């Protein structure tokens, strides 16, 4: 047998080392091979979110940025129902613009701001689809803009305001619910609600009219737990009670309960882009009033609510898939 030369042994070791290195690289390449590219996550299930409030600035102060996120994607639809005229006892009065219309313009500007903030690639203009529609036999003002629908029922504000004196309105929602009055007439005399069930039926008719086949349903109202939401406005509470009755007809829909007046005592919890949306929406609202000669609301008392959004979600009474 031939003896190995001084060069053969190292060459063999080099050869074996090379084979081992190639094998290692091959195994490593298999282990670290890039995964198949994954596309964007699928969109969330389509949802119709209904925000039912007493006054024309309530959802902006207490239900945003949830309101914005309910209309900032193509598959989303937000419905804003304003039950009272927020007229503070002025009725259809106010010079040169009726006060209730100034408040409505604030809400409409807020919706237009959010719709255009959601898609800044093009301006959608100021025009909104506008019509009086029939809901459960009542004529109600309805607007449409982008992914949002807006209703104004124009029931009298619960308070007649005279400076610092607040007098309960004789046809307030609170009195209607308690049975202290048999009916309440809208300030523009476009409709009369005879008894509490009539109002509940009308609100439910709005919800039913705005539902989309195959979409989920989510209802947003004021928090009624007085420990969590102290000293809230009587109108806020009355509207929430009405929508609790509506919610019974939609057992698959989650009910989101928002803390309202009490949030001004709570820490700021809205930051970043959501905070910008919150402030921008409120600024648009305030400009609607001041541009129409009403008392401006861009001041410390109202601004103290900005950046604070607290809510809890009550799970549906039953599970019905995507449809509420």
Protein backbone atom coordinates (compact mmCIF):
# COMPACT_ATOMS: atom_id res chain seq x y z
CA UNK A 1 0.00 0.00 0.00
CA UNK A 2 1.40 3.32 -1.02
CA UNK A 3 2.21 5.75 1.80
CA UNK A 4 0.55 9.14 1.78
CA UNK A 5 2.74 12.08 0.89
CA UNK A 6 2.97 15.18 3.06
CA UNK A 7 0.49 16.89 0.71
CA UNK A 8 -2.21 14.23 0.47
CA UNK A 9 -3.40 14.34 4.10
CA UNK A 10 -4.02 18.09 4.17
CA UNK A 11 -5.80 17.91 0.80
CA UNK A 12 -8.10 15.23 2.10
CA UNK A 13 -8.90 17.31 5.15
CA UNK A 14 -9.51 20.33 2.93
CA UNK A 15 -11.82 18.30 0.71
CA UNK A 16 -13.82 16.99 3.67
CA UNK A 17 -14.07 20.46 5.16
CA UNK A 18 -15.31 21.84 1.86
CA UNK A 19 -18.00 19.16 1.64
CA UNK A 20 -19.11 19.96 5.19
CA UNK A 21 -19.24 23.67 4.44
CA UNK A 22 -21.35 23.15 1.31
CA UNK A 23 -23.73 20.92 3.25
CA UNK A 24 -24.00 23.49 6.02
CA UNK A 25 -24.71 26.29 3.57
CA UNK A 26 -27.33 24.17 1.80
CA UNK A 27 -29.12 23.35 5.04
CA UNK A 28 -28.89 26.95 6.19
CA UNK A 29 -30.27 28.20 2.90
CA UNK A 30 -33.24 25.86 3.25
CA UNK A 31 -33.84 27.00 6.82
CA UNK A 32 -33.69 30.71 6.02
CA UNK A 33 -35.33 30.69 2.61
CA UNK A 34 -37.74 33.63 2.37
CA UNK A 35 -41.38 32.80 2.89
CA UNK A 36 -43.87 33.21 0.11
CA UNK A 37 -44.87 36.91 0.08
CA UNK A 38 -48.06 37.53 2.05
CA UNK A 39 -50.55 40.08 0.75
CA UNK A 40 -52.27 42.74 2.87
CA UNK A 41 -54.63 41.47 5.55
CA UNK A 42 -58.23 41.10 4.41
CA UNK A 43 -60.51 44.02 5.25
CA UNK A 44 -62.56 43.83 8.40
CA UNK A 45 -66.12 42.55 7.94
CA UNK A 46 -68.47 45.24 6.61
CA UNK A 47 -70.24 47.03 9.44
CA UNK A 48 -72.98 49.62 9.78
CA UNK A 49 -72.26 51.67 12.91
CA UNK A 50 -75.13 53.76 14.28
CA UNK A 51 -74.29 56.70 16.57
CA UNK A 52 -77.48 57.97 18.21
CA UNK A 53 -77.12 61.16 20.24
CA UNK A 54 -79.24 63.93 21.69
CA UNK A 55 -77.39 66.98 20.36
CA UNK A 56 -75.48 67.98 17.26
CA UNK A 57 -72.07 68.01 18.95
CA UNK A 58 -72.33 64.93 21.17
CA UNK A 59 -70.71 62.27 18.98
CA UNK A 60 -67.81 64.59 18.09
CA UNK A 61 -66.98 65.18 21.75
CA UNK A 62 -67.76 61.77 23.22
CA UNK A 63 -67.68 59.14 20.44
CA UNK A 64 -64.68 60.10 18.36
CA UNK A 65 -62.33 58.71 16.99
CA UNK A 66 -64.65 55.67 16.94
CA UNK A 67 -66.94 57.66 14.65
CA UNK A 68 -64.10 58.34 12.23
CA UNK A 69 -63.03 54.68 12.14
CA UNK A 70 -66.63 53.71 11.40
CA UNK A 71 -66.48 55.50 8.04
CA UNK A 72 -62.81 55.63 6.97
CA UNK A 73 -62.77 52.39 4.95
CA UNK A 74 -64.81 51.45 1.86
CA UNK A 75 -66.66 48.62 3.60
CA UNK A 76 -67.74 50.82 6.53
CA UNK A 77 -70.90 52.90 6.91
CA UNK A 78 -71.60 55.33 9.73
CA UNK A 79 -75.09 56.58 10.57
CA UNK A 80 -75.44 59.64 12.81
CA UNK A 81 -78.88 60.20 14.37
CA UNK A 82 -79.42 63.54 16.16
CA UNK A 83 -82.66 63.25 18.12
CA UNK A 84 -83.17 66.77 19.48
CA UNK A 85 -82.73 70.05 17.65
CA UNK A 86 -80.28 71.25 20.30
CA UNK A 87 -82.12 74.57 20.07
CA UNK A 88 -81.81 75.49 23.78
CA UNK A 89 -85.45 76.61 23.72
CA UNK A 90 -85.07 78.95 20.75
CA UNK A 91 -87.21 76.78 18.51
CA UNK A 92 -86.75 77.91 14.92
CA UNK A 93 -85.55 81.32 16.11
CA UNK A 94 -82.14 82.88 15.70
CA UNK A 95 -80.84 85.76 13.59
CA UNK A 96 -79.75 85.82 10.87
CA UNK A 97 -79.58 82.00 10.93
CA UNK A 98 -81.80 79.84 13.17
CA UNK A 99 -79.69 78.43 15.98
CA UNK A 100 -80.70 74.82 15.32
CA UNK A 101 -79.54 75.10 11.69
CA UNK A 102 -76.19 76.48 12.82
CA UNK A 103 -75.78 73.44 15.05
CA UNK A 104 -76.77 71.12 12.23
CA UNK A 105 -74.21 72.76 9.96
CA UNK A 106 -71.56 72.05 12.59
CA UNK A 107 -72.41 68.35 12.53
CA UNK A 108 -72.45 68.26 8.72
CA UNK A 109 -69.06 69.97 8.51
CA UNK A 110 -67.67 67.42 10.95
CA UNK A 111 -68.87 64.57 8.73
CA UNK A 112 -67.40 66.20 5.61
CA UNK A 113 -64.08 66.74 7.36
CA UNK A 114 -63.84 63.10 8.41
CA UNK A 115 -64.83 61.80 4.98
CA UNK A 116 -62.16 63.88 3.28
CA UNK A 117 -59.57 63.05 5.94
CA UNK A 118 -60.20 59.36 5.25
CA UNK A 119 -59.42 59.87 1.55
CA UNK A 120 -57.22 62.89 0.93
CA UNK A 121 -56.55 61.88 -2.68
CA UNK A 122 -59.54 63.88 -3.86
CA UNK A 123 -61.83 66.54 -2.48
CA UNK A 124 -65.48 65.53 -2.34
CA UNK A 125 -66.80 69.08 -2.29
CA UNK A 126 -69.39 70.64 -0.02
CA UNK A 127 -72.57 69.33 -1.64
CA UNK A 128 -74.42 66.64 0.28
CA UNK A 129 -77.34 64.51 -0.84
CA UNK A 130 -80.31 65.98 1.04
CA UNK A 131 -83.92 64.86 1.36
CA UNK A 132 -86.86 64.60 3.70
CA UNK A 133 -87.57 60.89 4.15
CA UNK A 134 -90.37 58.94 5.76
CA UNK A 135 -89.47 56.78 8.72
CA UNK A 136 -92.38 55.10 10.52
CA UNK A 137 -94.73 57.79 9.27
CA UNK A 138 -92.54 60.75 10.28
CA UNK A 139 -90.79 63.20 7.94
CA UNK A 140 -87.12 63.39 8.89
CA UNK A 141 -84.24 65.35 7.36
CA UNK A 142 -81.53 63.03 5.96
CA UNK A 143 -78.13 63.76 4.41
CA UNK A 144 -75.59 61.49 2.73
CA UNK A 145 -71.89 62.18 2.22
CA UNK A 146 -69.23 59.58 1.46
CA UNK A 147 -69.70 56.63 3.79
CA UNK A 148 -71.87 58.61 6.21
CA UNK A 149 -75.59 59.15 6.62
CA UNK A 150 -76.93 61.91 8.89
CA UNK A 151 -80.41 62.30 10.39
CA UNK A 152 -81.94 65.25 12.27
CA UNK A 153 -85.24 64.54 14.09
CA UNK A 154 -85.50 68.08 15.58
CA UNK A 155 -87.38 67.19 18.76
CA UNK A 156 -87.21 70.11 21.25
CA UNK A 157 -84.07 70.44 23.35
CA UNK A 158 -84.69 69.32 26.92
CA UNK A 159 -83.73 72.73 28.32
CA UNK A 160 -84.92 76.26 27.68
CA UNK A 161 -81.79 78.30 28.28
CA UNK A 162 -81.95 81.92 29.45
CA UNK A 163 -78.45 83.01 30.38
CA UNK A 164 -77.50 80.77 33.30
CA UNK A 165 -81.09 79.69 33.97
CA UNK A 166 -82.11 76.29 32.60
CA UNK A 167 -85.83 75.45 32.55
CA UNK A 168 -86.99 71.96 31.48
CA UNK A 169 -88.89 72.03 28.19
CA UNK A 170 -92.56 71.01 28.60
CA UNK A 171 -92.22 68.50 25.73
CA UNK A 172 -88.78 67.15 26.59
CA UNK A 173 -87.68 63.59 25.90
CA UNK A 174 -87.49 62.96 29.65
CA UNK A 175 -91.14 63.94 30.08
CA UNK A 176 -92.18 61.89 27.06
CA UNK A 177 -90.44 58.80 28.42
CA UNK A 178 -91.96 59.30 31.88
CA UNK A 179 -95.44 59.65 30.40
CA UNK A 180 -95.76 63.19 31.76
CA UNK A 181 -96.69 64.40 28.26
CA UNK A 182 -98.58 62.41 25.66
CA UNK A 183 -96.65 63.73 22.65
CA UNK A 184 -93.81 65.95 21.51
CA UNK A 185 -93.77 68.00 18.32
CA UNK A 186 -90.61 68.83 16.39
CA UNK A 187 -89.59 72.48 16.44
CA UNK A 188 -90.17 72.82 12.67
CA UNK A 189 -93.58 71.13 13.05
CA UNK A 190 -92.60 68.45 10.53
CA UNK A 191 -93.55 65.56 12.83
CA UNK A 192 -95.24 64.66 16.10
CA UNK A 193 -94.21 61.68 18.23
CA UNK A 194 -97.16 60.32 20.16
CA UNK A 195 -95.82 58.52 23.20
CA UNK A 196 -92.45 56.93 23.88
CA UNK A 197 -93.08 53.79 21.78
CA UNK A 198 -93.61 56.00 18.71
CA UNK A 199 -90.12 57.47 19.10
CA UNK A 200 -88.55 54.04 19.65
CA UNK A 201 -90.33 52.67 16.58
CA UNK A 202 -89.05 55.57 14.49
CA UNK A 203 -85.46 55.13 15.65
CA UNK A 204 -85.66 51.45 14.84
CA UNK A 205 -87.08 52.28 11.40
CA UNK A 206 -84.00 54.41 10.75
CA UNK A 207 -81.71 51.56 11.78
CA UNK A 208 -83.57 49.12 9.56
CA UNK A 209 -83.55 51.51 6.59
CA UNK A 210 -79.77 51.98 6.80
CA UNK A 211 -78.77 48.36 7.26
CA UNK A 212 -76.81 46.72 4.47
CA UNK A 213 -77.37 43.09 3.52
CA UNK A 214 -74.50 40.91 4.74
CA UNK A 215 -73.11 43.60 7.02
CA UNK A 216 -72.79 43.62 10.78
CA UNK A 217 -74.53 46.18 12.96
CA UNK A 218 -73.08 48.11 15.89
CA UNK A 219 -75.03 50.56 18.07
CA UNK A 220 -73.33 53.46 19.91
CA UNK A 221 -75.09 55.21 22.80
CA UNK A 222 -74.35 57.14 25.99
CA UNK A 223 -73.27 55.20 29.06
CA UNK A 224 -76.25 54.84 31.43
CA UNK A 225 -74.30 53.56 34.44
CA UNK A 226 -74.20 56.68 36.62
CA UNK A 227 -71.14 55.41 38.48
CA UNK A 228 -69.18 55.38 35.22
CA UNK A 229 -70.84 58.45 33.68
CA UNK A 230 -71.79 60.87 36.42
CA UNK A 231 -74.11 63.85 35.95
CA UNK A 232 -74.82 63.32 32.27
CA UNK A 233 -77.37 65.48 30.42
CA UNK A 234 -81.00 64.28 30.75
CA UNK A 235 -81.35 64.32 26.95
CA UNK A 236 -78.28 62.09 26.61
CA UNK A 237 -79.80 59.58 28.98
CA UNK A 238 -83.26 59.67 27.40
CA UNK A 239 -81.82 58.94 23.94
CA UNK A 240 -79.73 56.09 25.35
CA UNK A 241 -82.81 54.58 27.00
CA UNK A 242 -84.65 54.76 23.68
CA UNK A 243 -81.80 53.02 21.89
CA UNK A 244 -81.68 50.31 24.55
CA UNK A 245 -85.25 49.54 23.51
CA UNK A 246 -84.12 49.50 19.87
CA UNK A 247 -81.21 47.21 20.75
CA UNK A 248 -83.66 44.60 22.02
CA UNK A 249 -84.83 44.22 18.43
CA UNK A 250 -81.25 43.54 17.29
CA UNK A 251 -79.88 40.86 19.63
CA UNK A 252 -76.88 40.19 17.39
CA UNK A 253 -75.61 43.79 17.53
CA UNK A 254 -72.99 44.82 20.11
CA UNK A 255 -73.92 47.91 22.11
CA UNK A 256 -71.08 50.39 22.67
CA UNK A 257 -71.67 52.61 25.70
CA UNK A 258 -69.71 55.88 25.74
CA UNK A 259 -68.83 57.91 28.82
CA UNK A 260 -69.82 61.51 28.07
CA UNK A 261 -69.72 64.55 30.39
CA UNK A 262 -67.58 62.74 32.94
CA UNK A 263 -64.68 62.26 30.50
CA UNK A 264 -63.44 65.79 31.16
CA UNK A 265 -62.25 64.53 34.58
CA UNK A 266 -60.39 61.57 33.04
CA UNK A 267 -56.86 61.35 31.59
CA UNK A 268 -56.20 62.05 27.92
CA UNK A 269 -56.13 58.70 26.13
CA UNK A 270 -56.38 59.70 22.46
CA UNK A 271 -53.02 60.37 20.82
CA UNK A 272 -51.24 60.51 17.47
CA UNK A 273 -53.31 60.54 14.30
CA UNK A 274 -56.49 59.82 16.25
CA UNK A 275 -55.92 62.97 18.31
CA UNK A 276 -55.52 65.02 15.14
CA UNK A 277 -58.81 63.60 13.83
CA UNK A 278 -60.49 64.34 17.17
CA UNK A 279 -59.35 67.97 17.21
CA UNK A 280 -59.98 68.53 13.50
CA UNK A 281 -63.50 67.16 13.73
CA UNK A 282 -64.30 69.40 16.66
CA UNK A 283 -62.80 72.45 14.93
CA UNK A 284 -64.99 71.79 11.89
CA UNK A 285 -68.02 71.53 14.19
CA UNK A 286 -67.25 74.78 15.98
CA UNK A 287 -66.75 76.64 12.69
CA UNK A 288 -70.25 75.63 11.59
CA UNK A 289 -71.71 77.55 14.52
CA UNK A 290 -69.54 80.65 14.39
CA UNK A 291 -69.85 80.97 10.60
CA UNK A 292 -73.62 81.01 11.10
CA UNK A 293 -73.55 83.69 13.82
CA UNK A 294 -74.10 81.32 16.74
CA UNK A 295 -72.03 81.37 19.91
CA UNK A 296 -68.74 79.63 19.22
CA UNK A 297 -67.89 76.42 21.04
CA UNK A 298 -64.12 76.50 20.49
CA UNK A 299 -63.44 77.50 24.09
CA UNK A 300 -62.04 75.88 27.25
CA UNK A 301 -65.35 74.47 28.52
CA UNK A 302 -65.93 72.33 25.44
CA UNK A 303 -62.28 71.79 24.50
CA UNK A 304 -61.74 70.09 27.87
CA UNK A 305 -63.41 66.99 26.41
CA UNK A 306 -60.94 66.65 23.54
CA UNK A 307 -58.50 63.76 23.55
CA UNK A 308 -60.67 61.70 25.87
CA UNK A 309 -62.69 58.74 24.61
CA UNK A 310 -63.90 56.10 27.04
CA UNK A 311 -66.39 53.35 26.26
CA UNK A 312 -67.26 49.76 26.97
CA UNK A 313 -68.79 47.25 24.60
CA UNK A 314 -71.72 45.12 25.69
CA UNK A 315 -71.53 41.82 23.86
CA UNK A 316 -74.51 40.80 21.71
CA UNK A 317 -77.25 38.81 23.36
CA UNK A 318 -76.68 36.11 20.77
CA UNK A 319 -74.18 35.25 18.04
CA UNK A 320 -75.41 35.59 14.48
CA UNK A 321 -72.21 35.64 12.41
CA UNK A 322 -71.41 38.87 10.60
CA UNK A 323 -74.97 40.11 10.57
CA UNK A 324 -76.29 42.03 13.56
